[in-house]
Amino acid sequence: MAKTSAEKYLEENFGRLTFAKALKAERTTAELTQQELAGKIGVTKQAISKFENGSDFPSAETVKRIARVFAMPYGSYIELIVQDFAEKKGFGIVTVKSEETQKKKMA
């Protein structure tokens, strides 16, 4: 699948979008501190810090709570986490599309 010009621009200037980058961008756009987000989703500030620096990944239940806070599709975050995890484990960059994403493209 060919990348859009926007995807190419982002990748060239900011690197690949990761869950860590997406979470931090969502949190700062919503003007929430790490502590405030942690309180909203029931984890510690330290957990948010680890998610945002890419050293840890949230559980599926935590991802659902994050998605609710930011009114984002759960599948979008899961796609990023799977890609990040695969890369971290040495599989290189993989492309993952959730069933949710597939349905949107077909509509």
PDB file of N, CA and C in Angstrom:
ATOM      1  N   MET A   1       0.840  -1.179   0.000  1.00  0.00           N
ATOM      2  CA  MET A   1       0.000   0.000   0.000  1.00  0.00           C
ATOM      3  C   MET A   1       0.888   1.248   0.000  1.00  0.00           C
ATOM      4  N   ALA A   2       0.647   2.161  -0.914  1.00  0.00           N
ATOM      5  CA  ALA A   2       1.439   3.386  -1.027  1.00  0.00           C
ATOM      6  C   ALA A   2       1.100   4.351   0.105  1.00  0.00           C
ATOM      7  N   LYS A   3       2.113   5.059   0.549  1.00  0.00           N
ATOM      8  CA  LYS A   3       1.902   6.037   1.608  1.00  0.00           C
ATOM      9  C   LYS A   3       1.396   7.341   1.020  1.00  0.00           C
ATOM     10  N   THR A   4       0.552   8.018   1.790  1.00  0.00           N
ATOM     11  CA  THR A   4       0.069   9.326   1.361  1.00  0.00           C
ATOM     12  C   THR A   4       1.184  10.336   1.554  1.00  0.00           C
ATOM     13  N   SER A   5       1.035  11.502   0.958  1.00  0.00           N
ATOM     14  CA  SER A   5       2.063  12.534   1.120  1.00  0.00           C
ATOM     15  C   SER A   5       2.157  12.969   2.579  1.00  0.00           C
ATOM     16  N   ALA A   6       1.032  12.985   3.286  1.00  0.00           N
ATOM     17  CA  ALA A   6       1.047  13.360   4.698  1.00  0.00           C
ATOM     18  C   ALA A   6       1.823  12.331   5.516  1.00  0.00           C
ATOM     19  N   GLU A   7       1.606  11.044   5.233  1.00  0.00           N
ATOM     20  CA  GLU A   7       2.330   9.988   5.937  1.00  0.00           C
ATOM     21  C   GLU A   7       3.821  10.077   5.655  1.00  0.00           C
ATOM     22  N   LYS A   8       4.182  10.345   4.403  1.00  0.00           N
ATOM     23  CA  LYS A   8       5.593  10.490   4.039  1.00  0.00           C
ATOM     24  C   LYS A   8       6.217  11.674   4.777  1.00  0.00           C
ATOM     25  N   TYR A   9       5.502  12.802   4.807  1.00  0.00           N
ATOM     26  CA  TYR A   9       6.003  13.994   5.491  1.00  0.00           C
ATOM     27  C   TYR A   9       6.235  13.702   6.973  1.00  0.00           C
ATOM     28  N   LEU A  10       5.248  13.087   7.614  1.00  0.00           N
ATOM     29  CA  LEU A  10       5.378  12.792   9.038  1.00  0.00           C
ATOM     30  C   LEU A  10       6.544  11.846   9.300  1.00  0.00           C
ATOM     31  N   GLU A  11       6.654  10.821   8.496  1.00  0.00           N
ATOM     32  CA  GLU A  11       7.728   9.848   8.681  1.00  0.00           C
ATOM     33  C   GLU A  11       9.094  10.491   8.476  1.00  0.00           C
ATOM     34  N   GLU A  12       9.221  11.318   7.440  1.00  0.00           N
ATOM     35  CA  GLU A  12      10.500  11.957   7.147  1.00  0.00           C
ATOM     36  C   GLU A  12      10.892  12.965   8.218  1.00  0.00           C
ATOM     37  N   ASN A  13       9.920  13.651   8.789  1.00  0.00           N
ATOM     38  CA  ASN A  13      10.212  14.710   9.747  1.00  0.00           C
ATOM     39  C   ASN A  13      10.061  14.302  11.208  1.00  0.00           C
ATOM     40  N   PHE A  14       9.283  13.285  11.488  1.00  0.00           N
ATOM     41  CA  PHE A  14       9.024  12.917  12.878  1.00  0.00           C
ATOM     42  C   PHE A  14       9.208  11.427  13.152  1.00  0.00           C
ATOM     43  N   GLY A  15       9.570  10.653  12.144  1.00  0.00           N
ATOM     44  CA  GLY A  15       9.692   9.214  12.322  1.00  0.00           C
ATOM     45  C   GLY A  15       8.318   8.555  12.310  1.00  0.00           C
ATOM     46  N   ARG A  16       8.327   7.259  12.415  1.00  0.00           N
ATOM     47  CA  ARG A  16       7.080   6.504  12.390  1.00  0.00           C
ATOM     48  C   ARG A  16       6.230   6.839  13.620  1.00  0.00           C
ATOM     49  N   LEU A  17       4.926   6.907  13.416  1.00  0.00           N
ATOM     50  CA  LEU A  17       4.019   7.138  14.533  1.00  0.00           C
ATOM     51  C   LEU A  17       4.014   5.906  15.406  1.00  0.00           C
ATOM     52  N   THR A  18       4.246   6.116  16.674  1.00  0.00           N
ATOM     53  CA  THR A  18       4.231   5.023  17.640  1.00  0.00           C
ATOM     54  C   THR A  18       3.116   5.264  18.637  1.00  0.00           C
ATOM     55  N   PHE A  19       2.797   4.231  19.399  1.00  0.00           N
ATOM     56  CA  PHE A  19       1.798   4.407  20.456  1.00  0.00           C
ATOM     57  C   PHE A  19       2.266   5.483  21.433  1.00  0.00           C
ATOM     58  N   ALA A  20       3.547   5.448  21.791  1.00  0.00           N
ATOM     59  CA  ALA A  20       4.093   6.421  22.740  1.00  0.00           C
ATOM     60  C   ALA A  20       3.879   7.859  22.247  1.00  0.00           C
ATOM     61  N   LYS A  21       4.202   8.094  20.980  1.00  0.00           N
ATOM     62  CA  LYS A  21       4.024   9.444  20.410  1.00  0.00           C
ATOM     63  C   LYS A  21       2.556   9.830  20.346  1.00  0.00           C
ATOM     64  N   ALA A  22       1.712   8.875  19.954  1.00  0.00           N
ATOM     65  CA  ALA A  22       0.283   9.153  19.843  1.00  0.00           C
ATOM     66  C   ALA A  22      -0.313   9.488  21.204  1.00  0.00           C
ATOM     67  N   LEU A  23       0.054   8.706  22.226  1.00  0.00           N
ATOM     68  CA  LEU A  23      -0.479   8.954  23.570  1.00  0.00           C
ATOM     69  C   LEU A  23      -0.052  10.321  24.084  1.00  0.00           C
ATOM     70  N   LYS A  24       1.213  10.638  23.925  1.00  0.00           N
ATOM     71  CA  LYS A  24       1.700  11.937  24.413  1.00  0.00           C
ATOM     72  C   LYS A  24       1.026  13.090  23.655  1.00  0.00           C
ATOM     73  N   ALA A  25       0.864  12.933  22.357  1.00  0.00           N
ATOM     74  CA  ALA A  25       0.208  13.974  21.566  1.00  0.00           C
ATOM     75  C   ALA A  25      -1.243  14.158  22.005  1.00  0.00           C
ATOM     76  N   GLU A  26      -1.950  13.054  22.211  1.00  0.00           N
ATOM     77  CA  GLU A  26      -3.349  13.142  22.668  1.00  0.00           C
ATOM     78  C   GLU A  26      -3.431  13.803  24.036  1.00  0.00           C
ATOM     79  N   ARG A  27      -2.553  13.387  24.940  1.00  0.00           N
ATOM     80  CA  ARG A  27      -2.580  13.923  26.306  1.00  0.00           C
ATOM     81  C   ARG A  27      -2.280  15.415  26.324  1.00  0.00           C
ATOM     82  N   THR A  28      -1.243  15.826  25.595  1.00  0.00           N
ATOM     83  CA  THR A  28      -0.877  17.243  25.625  1.00  0.00           C
ATOM     84  C   THR A  28      -1.914  18.098  24.893  1.00  0.00           C
ATOM     85  N   THR A  29      -2.493  17.560  23.827  1.00  0.00           N
ATOM     86  CA  THR A  29      -3.552  18.291  23.124  1.00  0.00           C
ATOM     87  C   THR A  29      -4.761  18.496  24.030  1.00  0.00           C
ATOM     88  N   ALA A  30      -5.045  17.495  24.853  1.00  0.00           N
ATOM     89  CA  ALA A  30      -6.170  17.593  25.797  1.00  0.00           C
ATOM     90  C   ALA A  30      -5.800  18.401  27.035  1.00  0.00           C
ATOM     91  N   GLU A  31      -4.556  18.884  27.068  1.00  0.00           N
ATOM     92  CA  GLU A  31      -4.042  19.673  28.185  1.00  0.00           C
ATOM     93  C   GLU A  31      -4.167  18.944  29.515  1.00  0.00           C
ATOM     94  N   LEU A  32      -3.798  17.653  29.486  1.00  0.00           N
ATOM     95  CA  LEU A  32      -3.789  16.844  30.697  1.00  0.00           C
ATOM     96  C   LEU A  32      -2.348  16.582  31.110  1.00  0.00           C
ATOM     97  N   THR A  33      -2.103  16.580  32.398  1.00  0.00           N
ATOM     98  CA  THR A  33      -0.796  16.155  32.889  1.00  0.00           C
ATOM     99  C   THR A  33      -0.782  14.634  32.905  1.00  0.00           C
ATOM    100  N   GLN A  34       0.389  14.071  33.070  1.00  0.00           N
ATOM    101  CA  GLN A  34       0.469  12.613  33.189  1.00  0.00           C
ATOM    102  C   GLN A  34      -0.339  12.145  34.395  1.00  0.00           C
ATOM    103  N   GLN A  35      -0.275  12.894  35.480  1.00  0.00           N
ATOM    104  CA  GLN A  35      -1.011  12.539  36.699  1.00  0.00           C
ATOM    105  C   GLN A  35      -2.525  12.576  36.460  1.00  0.00           C
ATOM    106  N   GLU A  36      -2.996  13.586  35.745  1.00  0.00           N
ATOM    107  CA  GLU A  36      -4.438  13.687  35.467  1.00  0.00           C
ATOM    108  C   GLU A  36      -4.922  12.531  34.592  1.00  0.00           C
ATOM    109  N   LEU A  37      -4.141  12.209  33.550  1.00  0.00           N
ATOM    110  CA  LEU A  37      -4.526  11.091  32.697  1.00  0.00           C
ATOM    111  C   LEU A  37      -4.499   9.792  33.492  1.00  0.00           C
ATOM    112  N   ALA A  38      -3.483   9.618  34.304  1.00  0.00           N
ATOM    113  CA  ALA A  38      -3.381   8.412  35.132  1.00  0.00           C
ATOM    114  C   ALA A  38      -4.635   8.248  35.998  1.00  0.00           C
ATOM    115  N   GLY A  39      -5.084   9.346  36.597  1.00  0.00           N
ATOM    116  CA  GLY A  39      -6.281   9.293  37.429  1.00  0.00           C
ATOM    117  C   GLY A  39      -7.528   8.923  36.645  1.00  0.00           C
ATOM    118  N   LYS A  40      -7.622   9.401  35.416  1.00  0.00           N
ATOM    119  CA  LYS A  40      -8.790   9.118  34.582  1.00  0.00           C
ATOM    120  C   LYS A  40      -8.859   7.661  34.136  1.00  0.00           C
ATOM    121  N   ILE A  41      -7.690   7.017  33.999  1.00  0.00           N
ATOM    122  CA  ILE A  41      -7.705   5.644  33.480  1.00  0.00           C
ATOM    123  C   ILE A  41      -7.309   4.594  34.522  1.00  0.00           C
ATOM    124  N   GLY A  42      -7.025   5.044  35.737  1.00  0.00           N
ATOM    125  CA  GLY A  42      -6.771   4.099  36.814  1.00  0.00           C
ATOM    126  C   GLY A  42      -5.401   3.448  36.830  1.00  0.00           C
ATOM    127  N   VAL A  43      -4.384   4.198  36.418  1.00  0.00           N
ATOM    128  CA  VAL A  43      -3.008   3.709  36.510  1.00  0.00           C
ATOM    129  C   VAL A  43      -2.172   4.777  37.216  1.00  0.00           C
ATOM    130  N   THR A  44      -0.907   4.501  37.419  1.00  0.00           N
ATOM    131  CA  THR A  44      -0.035   5.476  38.073  1.00  0.00           C
ATOM    132  C   THR A  44       0.561   6.450  37.052  1.00  0.00           C
ATOM    133  N   LYS A  45       1.051   7.559  37.565  1.00  0.00           N
ATOM    134  CA  LYS A  45       1.758   8.518  36.713  1.00  0.00           C
ATOM    135  C   LYS A  45       2.985   7.851  36.096  1.00  0.00           C
ATOM    136  N   GLN A  46       3.632   6.981  36.854  1.00  0.00           N
ATOM    137  CA  GLN A  46       4.810   6.281  36.360  1.00  0.00           C
ATOM    138  C   GLN A  46       4.450   5.383  35.169  1.00  0.00           C
ATOM    139  N   ALA A  47       3.271   4.784  35.215  1.00  0.00           N
ATOM    140  CA  ALA A  47       2.823   3.946  34.086  1.00  0.00           C
ATOM    141  C   ALA A  47       2.662   4.801  32.837  1.00  0.00           C
ATOM    142  N   ILE A  48       2.054   5.972  32.979  1.00  0.00           N
ATOM    143  CA  ILE A  48       1.888   6.875  31.831  1.00  0.00           C
ATOM    144  C   ILE A  48       3.252   7.257  31.285  1.00  0.00           C
ATOM    145  N   SER A  49       4.181   7.564  32.162  1.00  0.00           N
ATOM    146  CA  SER A  49       5.531   7.920  31.735  1.00  0.00           C
ATOM    147  C   SER A  49       6.158   6.781  30.925  1.00  0.00           C
ATOM    148  N   LYS A  50       6.010   5.543  31.388  1.00  0.00           N
ATOM    149  CA  LYS A  50       6.571   4.390  30.672  1.00  0.00           C
ATOM    150  C   LYS A  50       5.885   4.194  29.324  1.00  0.00           C
ATOM    151  N   PHE A  51       4.568   4.400  29.269  1.00  0.00           N
ATOM    152  CA  PHE A  51       3.854   4.273  27.999  1.00  0.00           C
ATOM    153  C   PHE A  51       4.362   5.326  27.015  1.00  0.00           C
ATOM    154  N   GLU A  52       4.561   6.558  27.511  1.00  0.00           N
ATOM    155  CA  GLU A  52       4.972   7.662  26.647  1.00  0.00           C
ATOM    156  C   GLU A  52       6.437   7.586  26.223  1.00  0.00           C
ATOM    157  N   ASN A  53       7.266   6.907  26.985  1.00  0.00           N
ATOM    158  CA  ASN A  53       8.664   6.785  26.546  1.00  0.00           C
ATOM    159  C   ASN A  53       8.913   5.456  25.840  1.00  0.00           C
ATOM    160  N   GLY A  54       7.865   4.659  25.682  1.00  0.00           N
ATOM    161  CA  GLY A  54       7.962   3.426  24.918  1.00  0.00           C
ATOM    162  C   GLY A  54       8.597   2.256  25.640  1.00  0.00           C
ATOM    163  N   SER A  55       8.808   2.385  26.940  1.00  0.00           N
ATOM    164  CA  SER A  55       9.444   1.290  27.674  1.00  0.00           C
ATOM    165  C   SER A  55       8.451   0.250  28.180  1.00  0.00           C
ATOM    166  N   ASP A  56       7.153   0.540  28.085  1.00  0.00           N
ATOM    167  CA  ASP A  56       6.132  -0.412  28.508  1.00  0.00           C
ATOM    168  C   ASP A  56       4.873  -0.176  27.683  1.00  0.00           C
ATOM    169  N   PHE A  57       4.023  -1.182  27.654  1.00  0.00           N
ATOM    170  CA  PHE A  57       2.760  -1.087  26.927  1.00  0.00           C
ATOM    171  C   PHE A  57       1.605  -1.305  27.899  1.00  0.00           C
ATOM    172  N   PRO A  58       0.489  -0.640  27.664  1.00  0.00           N
ATOM    173  CA  PRO A  58      -0.669  -0.828  28.538  1.00  0.00           C
ATOM    174  C   PRO A  58      -1.377  -2.153  28.255  1.00  0.00           C
ATOM    175  N   SER A  59      -2.149  -2.607  29.235  1.00  0.00           N
ATOM    176  CA  SER A  59      -2.985  -3.794  29.036  1.00  0.00           C
ATOM    177  C   SER A  59      -4.127  -3.432  28.088  1.00  0.00           C
ATOM    178  N   ALA A  60      -4.802  -4.451  27.583  1.00  0.00           N
ATOM    179  CA  ALA A  60      -5.940  -4.215  26.685  1.00  0.00           C
ATOM    180  C   ALA A  60      -7.017  -3.384  27.374  1.00  0.00           C
ATOM    181  N   GLU A  61      -7.272  -3.657  28.646  1.00  0.00           N
ATOM    182  CA  GLU A  61      -8.286  -2.899  29.387  1.00  0.00           C
ATOM    183  C   GLU A  61      -7.876  -1.436  29.534  1.00  0.00           C
ATOM    184  N   THR A  62      -6.609  -1.199  29.787  1.00  0.00           N
ATOM    185  CA  THR A  62      -6.111   0.181  29.906  1.00  0.00           C
ATOM    186  C   THR A  62      -6.222   0.893  28.564  1.00  0.00           C
ATOM    187  N   VAL A  63      -5.935   0.204  27.481  1.00  0.00           N
ATOM    188  CA  VAL A  63      -6.075   0.806  26.147  1.00  0.00           C
ATOM    189  C   VAL A  63      -7.535   1.207  25.918  1.00  0.00           C
ATOM    190  N   LYS A  64      -8.463   0.385  26.335  1.00  0.00           N
ATOM    191  CA  LYS A  64      -9.889   0.725  26.187  1.00  0.00           C
ATOM    192  C   LYS A  64     -10.216   2.000  26.948  1.00  0.00           C
ATOM    193  N   ARG A  65      -9.670   2.122  28.155  1.00  0.00           N
ATOM    194  CA  ARG A  65      -9.942   3.330  28.956  1.00  0.00           C
ATOM    195  C   ARG A  65      -9.296   4.568  28.319  1.00  0.00           C
ATOM    196  N   ILE A  66      -8.086   4.399  27.786  1.00  0.00           N
ATOM    197  CA  ILE A  66      -7.416   5.512  27.090  1.00  0.00           C
ATOM    198  C   ILE A  66      -8.256   5.938  25.885  1.00  0.00           C
ATOM    199  N   ALA A  67      -8.721   4.972  25.119  1.00  0.00           N
ATOM    200  CA  ALA A  67      -9.536   5.265  23.929  1.00  0.00           C
ATOM    201  C   ALA A  67     -10.800   6.031  24.314  1.00  0.00           C
ATOM    202  N   ARG A  68     -11.416   5.645  25.420  1.00  0.00           N
ATOM    203  CA  ARG A  68     -12.634   6.357  25.871  1.00  0.00           C
ATOM    204  C   ARG A  68     -12.316   7.798  26.259  1.00  0.00           C
ATOM    205  N   VAL A  69     -11.211   7.989  26.977  1.00  0.00           N
ATOM    206  CA  VAL A  69     -10.842   9.345  27.413  1.00  0.00           C
ATOM    207  C   VAL A  69     -10.669  10.272  26.211  1.00  0.00           C
ATOM    208  N   PHE A  70     -10.024   9.773  25.162  1.00  0.00           N
ATOM    209  CA  PHE A  70      -9.726  10.618  24.009  1.00  0.00           C
ATOM    210  C   PHE A  70     -10.713  10.446  22.856  1.00  0.00           C
ATOM    211  N   ALA A  71     -11.776   9.665  23.082  1.00  0.00           N
ATOM    212  CA  ALA A  71     -12.797   9.411  22.051  1.00  0.00           C
ATOM    213  C   ALA A  71     -12.152   8.970  20.738  1.00  0.00           C
ATOM    214  N   MET A  72     -11.221   8.018  20.884  1.00  0.00           N
ATOM    215  CA  MET A  72     -10.510   7.466  19.730  1.00  0.00           C
ATOM    216  C   MET A  72     -10.893   6.001  19.568  1.00  0.00           C
ATOM    217  N   PRO A  73     -10.804   5.478  18.356  1.00  0.00           N
ATOM    218  CA  PRO A  73     -11.084   4.056  18.165  1.00  0.00           C
ATOM    219  C   PRO A  73     -10.027   3.194  18.872  1.00  0.00           C
ATOM    220  N   TYR A  74     -10.497   2.240  19.631  1.00  0.00           N
ATOM    221  CA  TYR A  74      -9.635   1.305  20.357  1.00  0.00           C
ATOM    222  C   TYR A  74      -8.653   0.630  19.401  1.00  0.00           C
ATOM    223  N   GLY A  75      -9.134   0.225  18.242  1.00  0.00           N
ATOM    224  CA  GLY A  75      -8.308  -0.486  17.267  1.00  0.00           C
ATOM    225  C   GLY A  75      -7.109   0.314  16.790  1.00  0.00           C
ATOM    226  N   SER A  76      -7.251   1.627  16.717  1.00  0.00           N
ATOM    227  CA  SER A  76      -6.128   2.467  16.271  1.00  0.00           C
ATOM    228  C   SER A  76      -4.944   2.347  17.219  1.00  0.00           C
ATOM    229  N   TYR A  77      -5.230   2.349  18.517  1.00  0.00           N
ATOM    230  CA  TYR A  77      -4.157   2.210  19.504  1.00  0.00           C
ATOM    231  C   TYR A  77      -3.565   0.803  19.470  1.00  0.00           C
ATOM    232  N   ILE A  78      -4.425  -0.204  19.329  1.00  0.00           N
ATOM    233  CA  ILE A  78      -3.949  -1.586  19.292  1.00  0.00           C
ATOM    234  C   ILE A  78      -3.017  -1.790  18.092  1.00  0.00           C
ATOM    235  N   GLU A  79      -3.381  -1.226  16.942  1.00  0.00           N
ATOM    236  CA  GLU A  79      -2.523  -1.327  15.750  1.00  0.00           C
ATOM    237  C   GLU A  79      -1.124  -0.796  16.051  1.00  0.00           C
ATOM    238  N   LEU A  80      -1.060   0.374  16.677  1.00  0.00           N
ATOM    239  CA  LEU A  80       0.236   0.977  16.989  1.00  0.00           C
ATOM    240  C   LEU A  80       1.015   0.124  17.981  1.00  0.00           C
ATOM    241  N   ILE A  81       0.339  -0.398  18.996  1.00  0.00           N
ATOM    242  CA  ILE A  81       1.020  -1.209  20.005  1.00  0.00           C
ATOM    243  C   ILE A  81       1.590  -2.475  19.384  1.00  0.00           C
ATOM    244  N   VAL A  82       0.809  -3.139  18.548  1.00  0.00           N
ATOM    245  CA  VAL A  82       1.298  -4.368  17.902  1.00  0.00           C
ATOM    246  C   VAL A  82       2.508  -4.056  17.026  1.00  0.00           C
ATOM    247  N   GLN A  83       2.432  -2.975  16.261  1.00  0.00           N
ATOM    248  CA  GLN A  83       3.563  -2.578  15.410  1.00  0.00           C
ATOM    249  C   GLN A  83       4.797  -2.265  16.262  1.00  0.00           C
ATOM    250  N   ASP A  84       4.599  -1.523  17.350  1.00  0.00           N
ATOM    251  CA  ASP A  84       5.714  -1.162  18.226  1.00  0.00           C
ATOM    252  C   ASP A  84       6.336  -2.411  18.853  1.00  0.00           C
ATOM    253  N   PHE A  85       5.493  -3.316  19.331  1.00  0.00           N
ATOM    254  CA  PHE A  85       5.970  -4.527  19.976  1.00  0.00           C
ATOM    255  C   PHE A  85       6.753  -5.396  18.988  1.00  0.00           C
ATOM    256  N   ALA A  86       6.227  -5.531  17.780  1.00  0.00           N
ATOM    257  CA  ALA A  86       6.913  -6.330  16.754  1.00  0.00           C
ATOM    258  C   ALA A  86       8.281  -5.737  16.439  1.00  0.00           C
ATOM    259  N   GLU A  87       8.329  -4.425  16.318  1.00  0.00           N
ATOM    260  CA  GLU A  87       9.607  -3.762  16.036  1.00  0.00           C
ATOM    261  C   GLU A  87      10.579  -3.954  17.198  1.00  0.00           C
ATOM    262  N   LYS A  88      10.080  -3.814  18.417  1.00  0.00           N
ATOM    263  CA  LYS A  88      10.914  -3.977  19.604  1.00  0.00           C
ATOM    264  C   LYS A  88      11.483  -5.397  19.701  1.00  0.00           C
ATOM    265  N   LYS A  89      10.725  -6.380  19.238  1.00  0.00           N
ATOM    266  CA  LYS A  89      11.158  -7.773  19.283  1.00  0.00           C
ATOM    267  C   LYS A  89      12.003  -8.167  18.076  1.00  0.00           C
ATOM    268  N   GLY A  90      12.293  -7.197  17.196  1.00  0.00           N
ATOM    269  CA  GLY A  90      13.188  -7.450  16.089  1.00  0.00           C
ATOM    270  C   GLY A  90      12.550  -7.915  14.797  1.00  0.00           C
ATOM    271  N   PHE A  91      11.240  -7.785  14.674  1.00  0.00           N
ATOM    272  CA  PHE A  91      10.571  -8.188  13.446  1.00  0.00           C
ATOM    273  C   PHE A  91      10.591  -7.097  12.389  1.00  0.00           C
ATOM    274  N   GLY A  92      11.167  -5.959  12.706  1.00  0.00           N
ATOM    275  CA  GLY A  92      11.155  -4.839  11.772  1.00  0.00           C
ATOM    276  C   GLY A  92       9.803  -4.153  11.807  1.00  0.00           C
ATOM    277  N   ILE A  93       9.569  -3.324  10.833  1.00  0.00           N
ATOM    278  CA  ILE A  93       8.312  -2.597  10.788  1.00  0.00           C
ATOM    279  C   ILE A  93       7.258  -3.467  10.115  1.00  0.00           C
ATOM    280  N   VAL A  94       6.177  -3.677  10.819  1.00  0.00           N
ATOM    281  CA  VAL A  94       5.054  -4.445  10.284  1.00  0.00           C
ATOM    282  C   VAL A  94       3.855  -3.524  10.185  1.00  0.00           C
ATOM    283  N   THR A  95       2.961  -3.849   9.288  1.00  0.00           N
ATOM    284  CA  THR A  95       1.740  -3.067   9.154  1.00  0.00           C
ATOM    285  C   THR A  95       0.584  -3.917   9.658  1.00  0.00           C
ATOM    286  N   VAL A  96      -0.173  -3.352  10.578  1.00  0.00           N
ATOM    287  CA  VAL A  96      -1.298  -4.052  11.181  1.00  0.00           C
ATOM    288  C   VAL A  96      -2.527  -3.185  10.997  1.00  0.00           C
ATOM    289  N   LYS A  97      -3.600  -3.789  10.564  1.00  0.00           N
ATOM    290  CA  LYS A  97      -4.867  -3.065  10.429  1.00  0.00           C
ATOM    291  C   LYS A  97      -5.934  -3.830  11.187  1.00  0.00           C
ATOM    292  N   SER A  98      -6.591  -3.156  12.109  1.00  0.00           N
ATOM    293  CA  SER A  98      -7.649  -3.796  12.875  1.00  0.00           C
ATOM    294  C   SER A  98      -8.881  -3.971  12.001  1.00  0.00           C
ATOM    295  N   GLU A  99      -9.759  -4.836  12.435  1.00  0.00           N
ATOM    296  CA  GLU A  99     -11.015  -5.054  11.723  1.00  0.00           C
ATOM    297  C   GLU A  99     -11.791  -3.737  11.631  1.00  0.00           C
ATOM    298  N   GLU A 100     -11.691  -2.942  12.686  1.00  0.00           N
ATOM    299  CA  GLU A 100     -12.353  -1.636  12.743  1.00  0.00           C
ATOM    300  C   GLU A 100     -11.855  -0.731  11.607  1.00  0.00           C
ATOM    301  N   THR A 101     -10.537  -0.700  11.399  1.00  0.00           N
ATOM    302  CA  THR A 101      -9.947   0.117  10.345  1.00  0.00           C
ATOM    303  C   THR A 101     -10.352  -0.398   8.971  1.00  0.00           C
ATOM    304  N   GLN A 102     -10.344  -1.710   8.822  1.00  0.00           N
ATOM    305  CA  GLN A 102     -10.732  -2.313   7.537  1.00  0.00           C
ATOM    306  C   GLN A 102     -12.168  -1.929   7.156  1.00  0.00           C
ATOM    307  N   LYS A 103     -13.070  -1.972   8.130  1.00  0.00           N
ATOM    308  CA  LYS A 103     -14.465  -1.633   7.863  1.00  0.00           C
ATOM    309  C   LYS A 103     -14.621  -0.184   7.413  1.00  0.00           C
ATOM    310  N   LYS A 104     -13.847   0.726   8.036  1.00  0.00           N
ATOM    311  CA  LYS A 104     -13.925   2.148   7.660  1.00  0.00           C
ATOM    312  C   LYS A 104     -13.471   2.351   6.219  1.00  0.00           C
ATOM    313  N   LYS A 105     -12.426   1.642   5.799  1.00  0.00           N
ATOM    314  CA  LYS A 105     -11.904   1.797   4.440  1.00  0.00           C
ATOM    315  C   LYS A 105     -12.902   1.263   3.411  1.00  0.00           C
ATOM    316  N   MET A 106     -13.676   0.265   3.802  1.00  0.00           N
ATOM    317  CA  MET A 106     -14.633  -0.336   2.870  1.00  0.00           C
ATOM    318  C   MET A 106     -15.916   0.478   2.753  1.00  0.00           C
ATOM    319  N   ALA A 107     -16.174   1.320   3.756  1.00  0.00           N
ATOM    320  CA  ALA A 107     -17.421   2.115   3.767  1.00  0.00           C
ATOM    321  C   ALA A 107     -17.371   3.263   2.781  1.00  0.00           C
TER     322      ALA A 107
END
